[in-house]
Amino acid sequence: MPVATDIVERKVTDGVLDKAAIIAQTKAALNILEIARPDRIVTLGGECSASVVPFTYLADKYEGDVAMVWIDAHPDITLPGDAYAGYHAMALTACMGQGDKDIMKELPSKLDPSKVLIVGLRDWERDEIKERQRQYGIRHLGPEDVRHDSHAVAEWLKACGASRVVVHFDMDVLDPAEIVAAVGVVPGGMKINEVVRVINDIAKEKDIVGLTVAEPMPRTAIRIKEMLAQLPLLK
């Protein structure tokens, strides 16, 4: 996937940071998918908006017969004009067809909020985001709801009205007390084995056609690199 590396000045346009680059990359990703026409998509790396194109492509391909399980510490339902302009925080709303009109017109389809479940949510960041989730009617399960089993997820899947599922796994859902692997480090998250179990249990219930693993941040490797750069190492 081509990624813009020539941005000298980052700016907010119409309430979206780096809007022009996002539109260009959205078009490029869709072009790849329209040529390959895959039945299933695995996306590794990038931030949360990496799910937007593949998930809306799959929603279009399967004519809406797709539910979405969003495994994340945050709901990612920010909109242009909110206090934070980063598109990655608008990823879920974009999947639902809500957001900047120029970006939305590029997307091939959208998912209905009734077919969206957020798992591992524990940080809304602002009160209006929690209220927006309530208005959209998006269900969520906290880390404690899936601590011992995936029963609540399985029950939702049985009632969601779709035979296929796309799964978004933001690594910041993981508990930083066990591993610091992502951008966010909100305490009280899910354990690695819990996330793995939930995703595998989803696969037992429905046909997973899309899986994203997003927002890896190799903090330890970066800090070691920075430390070594300051040492008088022999060259």
C-alpha atoms as a PDB file:
ATOM      1  CA  MET A   1       0.000   0.000   0.000  1.00  0.00           C
ATOM      2  CA  PRO A   2       1.625   3.302  -1.044  1.00  0.00           C
ATOM      3  CA  VAL A   3       1.990   5.749   1.854  1.00  0.00           C
ATOM      4  CA  ALA A   4       2.681   9.476   1.463  1.00  0.00           C
ATOM      5  CA  THR A   5       6.126  10.360   2.786  1.00  0.00           C
ATOM      6  CA  ASP A   6       6.495  13.813   1.236  1.00  0.00           C
ATOM      7  CA  ILE A   7       4.311  15.766   3.686  1.00  0.00           C
ATOM      8  CA  VAL A   8       6.314  18.798   4.799  1.00  0.00           C
ATOM      9  CA  GLU A   9       3.540  20.695   6.517  1.00  0.00           C
ATOM     10  CA  ARG A  10       0.728  18.845   8.249  1.00  0.00           C
ATOM     11  CA  LYS A  11      -2.506  20.804   8.245  1.00  0.00           C
ATOM     12  CA  VAL A  12      -6.152  20.408   9.155  1.00  0.00           C
ATOM     13  CA  THR A  13      -8.604  20.793   6.259  1.00  0.00           C
ATOM     14  CA  ASP A  14     -12.354  20.675   6.886  1.00  0.00           C
ATOM     15  CA  GLY A  15     -11.679  19.297  10.345  1.00  0.00           C
ATOM     16  CA  VAL A  16      -9.435  16.434   9.149  1.00  0.00           C
ATOM     17  CA  LEU A  17      -5.664  16.315   9.583  1.00  0.00           C
ATOM     18  CA  ASP A  18      -3.805  15.464   6.333  1.00  0.00           C
ATOM     19  CA  LYS A  19      -7.056  15.241   4.397  1.00  0.00           C
ATOM     20  CA  ALA A  20      -5.475  15.347   0.932  1.00  0.00           C
ATOM     21  CA  ALA A  21      -3.107  12.477   1.738  1.00  0.00           C
ATOM     22  CA  ILE A  22      -5.962  10.432   3.210  1.00  0.00           C
ATOM     23  CA  ILE A  23      -8.054  10.836   0.050  1.00  0.00           C
ATOM     24  CA  ALA A  24      -5.085   9.888  -2.152  1.00  0.00           C
ATOM     25  CA  GLN A  25      -4.330   6.788  -0.085  1.00  0.00           C
ATOM     26  CA  THR A  26      -8.013   5.820   0.039  1.00  0.00           C
ATOM     27  CA  LYS A  27      -8.176   5.909  -3.759  1.00  0.00           C
ATOM     28  CA  ALA A  28      -4.931   3.925  -4.062  1.00  0.00           C
ATOM     29  CA  ALA A  29      -6.137   1.228  -1.647  1.00  0.00           C
ATOM     30  CA  LEU A  30      -9.480   0.918  -3.437  1.00  0.00           C
ATOM     31  CA  ASN A  31      -7.720   0.646  -6.772  1.00  0.00           C
ATOM     32  CA  ILE A  32      -5.686  -2.304  -5.451  1.00  0.00           C
ATOM     33  CA  LEU A  33      -8.842  -4.029  -4.204  1.00  0.00           C
ATOM     34  CA  GLU A  34     -10.839  -3.352  -7.367  1.00  0.00           C
ATOM     35  CA  ILE A  35      -8.115  -5.016  -9.418  1.00  0.00           C
ATOM     36  CA  ALA A  36      -7.549  -8.012  -7.124  1.00  0.00           C
ATOM     37  CA  ARG A  37     -11.223  -8.443  -6.034  1.00  0.00           C
ATOM     38  CA  PRO A  38     -10.323 -10.520  -2.934  1.00  0.00           C
ATOM     39  CA  ASP A  39     -12.935 -12.447  -0.970  1.00  0.00           C
ATOM     40  CA  ARG A  40     -11.003 -11.952   2.291  1.00  0.00           C
ATOM     41  CA  ILE A  41      -8.597  -9.261   3.450  1.00  0.00           C
ATOM     42  CA  VAL A  42      -5.959  -9.243   6.195  1.00  0.00           C
ATOM     43  CA  THR A  43      -4.477  -5.827   6.985  1.00  0.00           C
ATOM     44  CA  LEU A  44      -1.364  -5.564   9.144  1.00  0.00           C
ATOM     45  CA  GLY A  45       0.062  -2.289  10.437  1.00  0.00           C
ATOM     46  CA  GLY A  46      -0.940   1.316  10.154  1.00  0.00           C
ATOM     47  CA  GLU A  47      -3.323   3.164  12.423  1.00  0.00           C
ATOM     48  CA  CYS A  48      -7.015   2.454  12.866  1.00  0.00           C
ATOM     49  CA  SER A  49      -8.147   4.030   9.605  1.00  0.00           C
ATOM     50  CA  ALA A  50      -6.354   1.171   7.821  1.00  0.00           C
ATOM     51  CA  SER A  51      -9.606  -0.769   8.299  1.00  0.00           C
ATOM     52  CA  VAL A  52     -11.862   1.742   6.561  1.00  0.00           C
ATOM     53  CA  VAL A  53     -11.222   0.842   2.920  1.00  0.00           C
ATOM     54  CA  PRO A  54     -11.078  -2.968   3.302  1.00  0.00           C
ATOM     55  CA  PHE A  55     -14.138  -3.103   5.560  1.00  0.00           C
ATOM     56  CA  THR A  56     -16.309  -0.874   3.358  1.00  0.00           C
ATOM     57  CA  TYR A  57     -15.105  -2.807   0.295  1.00  0.00           C
ATOM     58  CA  LEU A  58     -16.191  -6.071   1.945  1.00  0.00           C
ATOM     59  CA  ALA A  59     -19.523  -4.570   3.036  1.00  0.00           C
ATOM     60  CA  ASP A  60     -20.119  -3.697  -0.613  1.00  0.00           C
ATOM     61  CA  LYS A  61     -18.939  -7.066  -1.937  1.00  0.00           C
ATOM     62  CA  TYR A  62     -21.256  -8.998   0.382  1.00  0.00           C
ATOM     63  CA  GLU A  63     -24.159  -6.562  -0.068  1.00  0.00           C
ATOM     64  CA  GLY A  64     -24.380  -5.570   3.580  1.00  0.00           C
ATOM     65  CA  ASP A  65     -24.233  -9.123   4.943  1.00  0.00           C
ATOM     66  CA  VAL A  66     -21.336  -8.109   7.192  1.00  0.00           C
ATOM     67  CA  ALA A  67     -21.117  -7.316  10.908  1.00  0.00           C
ATOM     68  CA  MET A  68     -18.130  -5.558  12.473  1.00  0.00           C
ATOM     69  CA  VAL A  69     -16.410  -6.327  15.769  1.00  0.00           C
ATOM     70  CA  TRP A  70     -14.143  -3.421  16.745  1.00  0.00           C
ATOM     71  CA  ILE A  71     -11.654  -4.556  19.420  1.00  0.00           C
ATOM     72  CA  ASP A  72     -10.239  -1.315  20.778  1.00  0.00           C
ATOM     73  CA  ALA A  73      -9.664   0.701  23.938  1.00  0.00           C
ATOM     74  CA  HIS A  74     -11.376   3.657  22.217  1.00  0.00           C
ATOM     75  CA  PRO A  75     -14.604   3.881  20.183  1.00  0.00           C
ATOM     76  CA  ASP A  76     -13.013   5.792  17.238  1.00  0.00           C
ATOM     77  CA  ILE A  77     -16.241   7.680  16.500  1.00  0.00           C
ATOM     78  CA  THR A  78     -14.785  11.194  16.331  1.00  0.00           C
ATOM     79  CA  LEU A  79     -16.133  13.440  13.539  1.00  0.00           C
ATOM     80  CA  PRO A  80     -14.651  16.389  11.610  1.00  0.00           C
ATOM     81  CA  GLY A  81     -15.015  19.508  13.736  1.00  0.00           C
ATOM     82  CA  ASP A  82     -14.418  17.694  17.019  1.00  0.00           C
ATOM     83  CA  ALA A  83     -11.580  18.723  19.306  1.00  0.00           C
ATOM     84  CA  TYR A  84      -9.246  16.108  17.782  1.00  0.00           C
ATOM     85  CA  ALA A  85      -8.715  16.099  13.996  1.00  0.00           C
ATOM     86  CA  GLY A  86      -6.806  12.827  13.549  1.00  0.00           C
ATOM     87  CA  TYR A  87      -8.538  10.585  11.006  1.00  0.00           C
ATOM     88  CA  HIS A  88      -7.568   7.427  12.890  1.00  0.00           C
ATOM     89  CA  ALA A  89     -10.008   8.474  15.637  1.00  0.00           C
ATOM     90  CA  MET A  90     -12.735   8.756  12.954  1.00  0.00           C
ATOM     91  CA  ALA A  91     -12.214   5.245  11.616  1.00  0.00           C
ATOM     92  CA  LEU A  92     -15.352   3.583  12.953  1.00  0.00           C
ATOM     93  CA  THR A  93     -17.612   6.487  12.030  1.00  0.00           C
ATOM     94  CA  ALA A  94     -16.090   6.435   8.528  1.00  0.00           C
ATOM     95  CA  CYS A  95     -16.951   2.728   8.245  1.00  0.00           C
ATOM     96  CA  MET A  96     -20.540   3.740   9.041  1.00  0.00           C
ATOM     97  CA  GLY A  97     -20.534   6.413   6.326  1.00  0.00           C
ATOM     98  CA  GLN A  98     -20.262   9.331   8.735  1.00  0.00           C
ATOM     99  CA  GLY A  99     -17.551  11.971   8.265  1.00  0.00           C
ATOM    100  CA  ASP A 100     -15.956  14.277   5.730  1.00  0.00           C
ATOM    101  CA  LYS A 101     -18.060  14.308   2.546  1.00  0.00           C
ATOM    102  CA  ASP A 102     -15.056  14.172   0.204  1.00  0.00           C
ATOM    103  CA  ILE A 103     -13.656  11.084   1.931  1.00  0.00           C
ATOM    104  CA  MET A 104     -17.055   9.425   2.331  1.00  0.00           C
ATOM    105  CA  LYS A 105     -17.872   9.682  -1.401  1.00  0.00           C
ATOM    106  CA  GLU A 106     -14.782   7.584  -2.160  1.00  0.00           C
ATOM    107  CA  LEU A 107     -15.915   4.674   0.035  1.00  0.00           C
ATOM    108  CA  PRO A 108     -17.888   1.901  -1.695  1.00  0.00           C
ATOM    109  CA  SER A 109     -20.325   1.131   1.127  1.00  0.00           C
ATOM    110  CA  LYS A 110     -21.033   1.525   4.848  1.00  0.00           C
ATOM    111  CA  LEU A 111     -22.015  -0.582   7.836  1.00  0.00           C
ATOM    112  CA  ASP A 112     -25.106   0.037   9.911  1.00  0.00           C
ATOM    113  CA  PRO A 113     -24.469   0.887  13.600  1.00  0.00           C
ATOM    114  CA  SER A 114     -26.756  -1.998  14.592  1.00  0.00           C
ATOM    115  CA  LYS A 115     -24.157  -4.369  13.112  1.00  0.00           C
ATOM    116  CA  VAL A 116     -21.245  -2.897  15.078  1.00  0.00           C
ATOM    117  CA  LEU A 117     -19.913  -4.193  18.410  1.00  0.00           C
ATOM    118  CA  ILE A 118     -16.974  -2.598  20.230  1.00  0.00           C
ATOM    119  CA  VAL A 119     -15.023  -4.973  22.481  1.00  0.00           C
ATOM    120  CA  GLY A 120     -12.504  -3.907  25.139  1.00  0.00           C
ATOM    121  CA  LEU A 121     -13.695  -0.284  25.219  1.00  0.00           C
ATOM    122  CA  ARG A 122     -12.545   1.572  28.336  1.00  0.00           C
ATOM    123  CA  ASP A 123     -11.632   5.132  27.322  1.00  0.00           C
ATOM    124  CA  TRP A 124     -14.092   7.535  25.655  1.00  0.00           C
ATOM    125  CA  GLU A 125     -11.726  10.495  26.232  1.00  0.00           C
ATOM    126  CA  ARG A 126     -14.559  13.060  26.096  1.00  0.00           C
ATOM    127  CA  ASP A 127     -18.158  13.017  27.316  1.00  0.00           C
ATOM    128  CA  GLU A 128     -19.569  13.910  23.892  1.00  0.00           C
ATOM    129  CA  ILE A 129     -18.040  10.746  22.437  1.00  0.00           C
ATOM    130  CA  LYS A 130     -19.886   8.598  24.970  1.00  0.00           C
ATOM    131  CA  GLU A 131     -23.098  10.455  24.174  1.00  0.00           C
ATOM    132  CA  ARG A 132     -22.519  10.013  20.426  1.00  0.00           C
ATOM    133  CA  GLN A 133     -22.118   6.274  20.891  1.00  0.00           C
ATOM    134  CA  ARG A 134     -25.452   6.246  22.727  1.00  0.00           C
ATOM    135  CA  GLN A 135     -27.112   8.221  19.923  1.00  0.00           C
ATOM    136  CA  TYR A 136     -25.775   5.872  17.260  1.00  0.00           C
ATOM    137  CA  GLY A 137     -26.896   2.881  19.303  1.00  0.00           C
ATOM    138  CA  ILE A 138     -23.529   1.119  19.101  1.00  0.00           C
ATOM    139  CA  ARG A 139     -23.182  -1.695  21.627  1.00  0.00           C
ATOM    140  CA  HIS A 140     -19.964  -2.300  23.521  1.00  0.00           C
ATOM    141  CA  LEU A 141     -18.375  -4.762  25.919  1.00  0.00           C
ATOM    142  CA  GLY A 142     -15.662  -3.739  28.364  1.00  0.00           C
ATOM    143  CA  PRO A 143     -12.580  -5.837  29.134  1.00  0.00           C
ATOM    144  CA  GLU A 144     -14.320  -7.310  32.186  1.00  0.00           C
ATOM    145  CA  ASP A 145     -17.204  -8.551  30.011  1.00  0.00           C
ATOM    146  CA  VAL A 146     -14.896 -10.894  28.064  1.00  0.00           C
ATOM    147  CA  ARG A 147     -12.406 -11.658  30.819  1.00  0.00           C
ATOM    148  CA  HIS A 148     -13.397 -15.293  31.329  1.00  0.00           C
ATOM    149  CA  ASP A 149     -15.262 -16.245  28.149  1.00  0.00           C
ATOM    150  CA  SER A 150     -16.626 -14.901  24.864  1.00  0.00           C
ATOM    151  CA  HIS A 151     -20.266 -15.689  25.614  1.00  0.00           C
ATOM    152  CA  ALA A 152     -21.459 -12.063  25.317  1.00  0.00           C
ATOM    153  CA  VAL A 153     -19.738 -11.702  21.932  1.00  0.00           C
ATOM    154  CA  ALA A 154     -21.233 -14.980  20.686  1.00  0.00           C
ATOM    155  CA  GLU A 155     -24.728 -13.916  21.761  1.00  0.00           C
ATOM    156  CA  TRP A 156     -24.369 -10.615  19.915  1.00  0.00           C
ATOM    157  CA  LEU A 157     -23.129 -12.375  16.796  1.00  0.00           C
ATOM    158  CA  LYS A 158     -26.116 -14.715  16.799  1.00  0.00           C
ATOM    159  CA  ALA A 159     -28.459 -11.714  16.925  1.00  0.00           C
ATOM    160  CA  CYS A 160     -26.600  -9.376  14.546  1.00  0.00           C
ATOM    161  CA  GLY A 161     -28.326 -10.536  11.376  1.00  0.00           C
ATOM    162  CA  ALA A 162     -25.155 -11.100   9.332  1.00  0.00           C
ATOM    163  CA  SER A 163     -23.371 -14.284   8.290  1.00  0.00           C
ATOM    164  CA  ARG A 164     -19.958 -12.651   7.816  1.00  0.00           C
ATOM    165  CA  VAL A 165     -17.788 -10.580  10.152  1.00  0.00           C
ATOM    166  CA  VAL A 166     -14.908  -8.150   9.849  1.00  0.00           C
ATOM    167  CA  VAL A 167     -12.683  -7.814  12.920  1.00  0.00           C
ATOM    168  CA  HIS A 168     -10.589  -4.774  13.817  1.00  0.00           C
ATOM    169  CA  PHE A 169      -7.909  -5.384  16.465  1.00  0.00           C
ATOM    170  CA  ASP A 170      -6.257  -2.203  17.716  1.00  0.00           C
ATOM    171  CA  MET A 171      -3.323  -3.304  19.828  1.00  0.00           C
ATOM    172  CA  ASP A 172      -4.008  -0.544  22.346  1.00  0.00           C
ATOM    173  CA  VAL A 173      -6.829  -2.735  23.659  1.00  0.00           C
ATOM    174  CA  LEU A 174      -4.090  -4.797  25.304  1.00  0.00           C
ATOM    175  CA  ASP A 175      -3.282  -4.217  28.961  1.00  0.00           C
ATOM    176  CA  PRO A 176      -0.024  -2.220  29.199  1.00  0.00           C
ATOM    177  CA  ALA A 177       0.711  -4.061  32.444  1.00  0.00           C
ATOM    178  CA  GLU A 178       1.269  -7.154  30.285  1.00  0.00           C
ATOM    179  CA  ILE A 179       2.679  -5.619  27.089  1.00  0.00           C
ATOM    180  CA  VAL A 180       3.201  -2.103  25.745  1.00  0.00           C
ATOM    181  CA  ALA A 181       2.668  -2.723  22.053  1.00  0.00           C
ATOM    182  CA  ALA A 182       0.615   0.176  20.726  1.00  0.00           C
ATOM    183  CA  VAL A 183       0.194   3.941  20.616  1.00  0.00           C
ATOM    184  CA  GLY A 184      -2.291   4.033  23.504  1.00  0.00           C
ATOM    185  CA  VAL A 185      -1.400   2.839  27.015  1.00  0.00           C
ATOM    186  CA  VAL A 186      -4.722   3.016  28.875  1.00  0.00           C
ATOM    187  CA  PRO A 187      -4.559   0.734  31.948  1.00  0.00           C
ATOM    188  CA  GLY A 188      -6.949  -2.111  32.651  1.00  0.00           C
ATOM    189  CA  GLY A 189      -7.052  -3.636  29.186  1.00  0.00           C
ATOM    190  CA  MET A 190      -7.470  -7.109  27.761  1.00  0.00           C
ATOM    191  CA  LYS A 191      -4.773  -9.745  28.028  1.00  0.00           C
ATOM    192  CA  ILE A 192      -3.190 -11.170  24.887  1.00  0.00           C
ATOM    193  CA  ASN A 193      -4.767 -14.592  25.400  1.00  0.00           C
ATOM    194  CA  GLU A 194      -8.193 -12.966  25.866  1.00  0.00           C
ATOM    195  CA  VAL A 195      -8.018 -11.126  22.544  1.00  0.00           C
ATOM    196  CA  VAL A 196      -6.788 -14.255  20.759  1.00  0.00           C
ATOM    197  CA  ARG A 197      -9.598 -16.290  22.326  1.00  0.00           C
ATOM    198  CA  VAL A 198     -12.285 -13.730  21.390  1.00  0.00           C
ATOM    199  CA  ILE A 199     -11.167 -13.581  17.747  1.00  0.00           C
ATOM    200  CA  ASN A 200     -10.983 -17.377  17.469  1.00  0.00           C
ATOM    201  CA  ASP A 201     -14.418 -17.686  19.070  1.00  0.00           C
ATOM    202  CA  ILE A 202     -15.796 -15.182  16.543  1.00  0.00           C
ATOM    203  CA  ALA A 203     -14.443 -17.444  13.801  1.00  0.00           C
ATOM    204  CA  LYS A 204     -16.376 -20.362  15.316  1.00  0.00           C
ATOM    205  CA  GLU A 205     -19.639 -18.416  15.046  1.00  0.00           C
ATOM    206  CA  LYS A 206     -19.281 -16.573  11.737  1.00  0.00           C
ATOM    207  CA  ASP A 207     -17.202 -16.380   8.569  1.00  0.00           C
ATOM    208  CA  ILE A 208     -14.430 -13.833   9.194  1.00  0.00           C
ATOM    209  CA  VAL A 209     -13.799 -12.101   5.860  1.00  0.00           C
ATOM    210  CA  GLY A 210     -11.697  -9.184   7.124  1.00  0.00           C
ATOM    211  CA  LEU A 211      -9.113  -8.901   9.895  1.00  0.00           C
ATOM    212  CA  THR A 212      -7.011  -5.852  10.754  1.00  0.00           C
ATOM    213  CA  VAL A 213      -4.227  -5.719  13.339  1.00  0.00           C
ATOM    214  CA  ALA A 214      -3.510  -2.013  13.779  1.00  0.00           C
ATOM    215  CA  GLU A 215      -1.405   0.531  15.638  1.00  0.00           C
ATOM    216  CA  PRO A 216       1.702  -1.456  16.560  1.00  0.00           C
ATOM    217  CA  MET A 217       4.253   0.802  18.232  1.00  0.00           C
ATOM    218  CA  PRO A 218       7.675  -0.786  18.929  1.00  0.00           C
ATOM    219  CA  ARG A 219       8.414   1.595  21.797  1.00  0.00           C
ATOM    220  CA  THR A 220      11.143  -0.560  23.325  1.00  0.00           C
ATOM    221  CA  ALA A 221      12.990  -0.978  20.023  1.00  0.00           C
ATOM    222  CA  ILE A 222      12.777   2.779  19.379  1.00  0.00           C
ATOM    223  CA  ARG A 223      14.129   3.629  22.827  1.00  0.00           C
ATOM    224  CA  ILE A 224      16.997   1.137  22.460  1.00  0.00           C
ATOM    225  CA  LYS A 225      17.847   2.620  19.052  1.00  0.00           C
ATOM    226  CA  GLU A 226      17.868   6.134  20.520  1.00  0.00           C
ATOM    227  CA  MET A 227      20.036   4.999  23.417  1.00  0.00           C
ATOM    228  CA  LEU A 228      22.559   3.248  21.167  1.00  0.00           C
ATOM    229  CA  ALA A 229      22.780   6.330  18.960  1.00  0.00           C
ATOM    230  CA  GLN A 230      24.157   8.263  21.936  1.00  0.00           C
ATOM    231  CA  LEU A 231      26.897   5.775  22.795  1.00  0.00           C
ATOM    232  CA  PRO A 232      30.481   5.952  21.480  1.00  0.00           C
ATOM    233  CA  LEU A 233      30.084   2.755  19.495  1.00  0.00           C
ATOM    234  CA  LEU A 234      32.923   1.662  17.214  1.00  0.00           C
ATOM    235  CA  LYS A 235      32.134   2.072  13.560  1.00  0.00           C
END
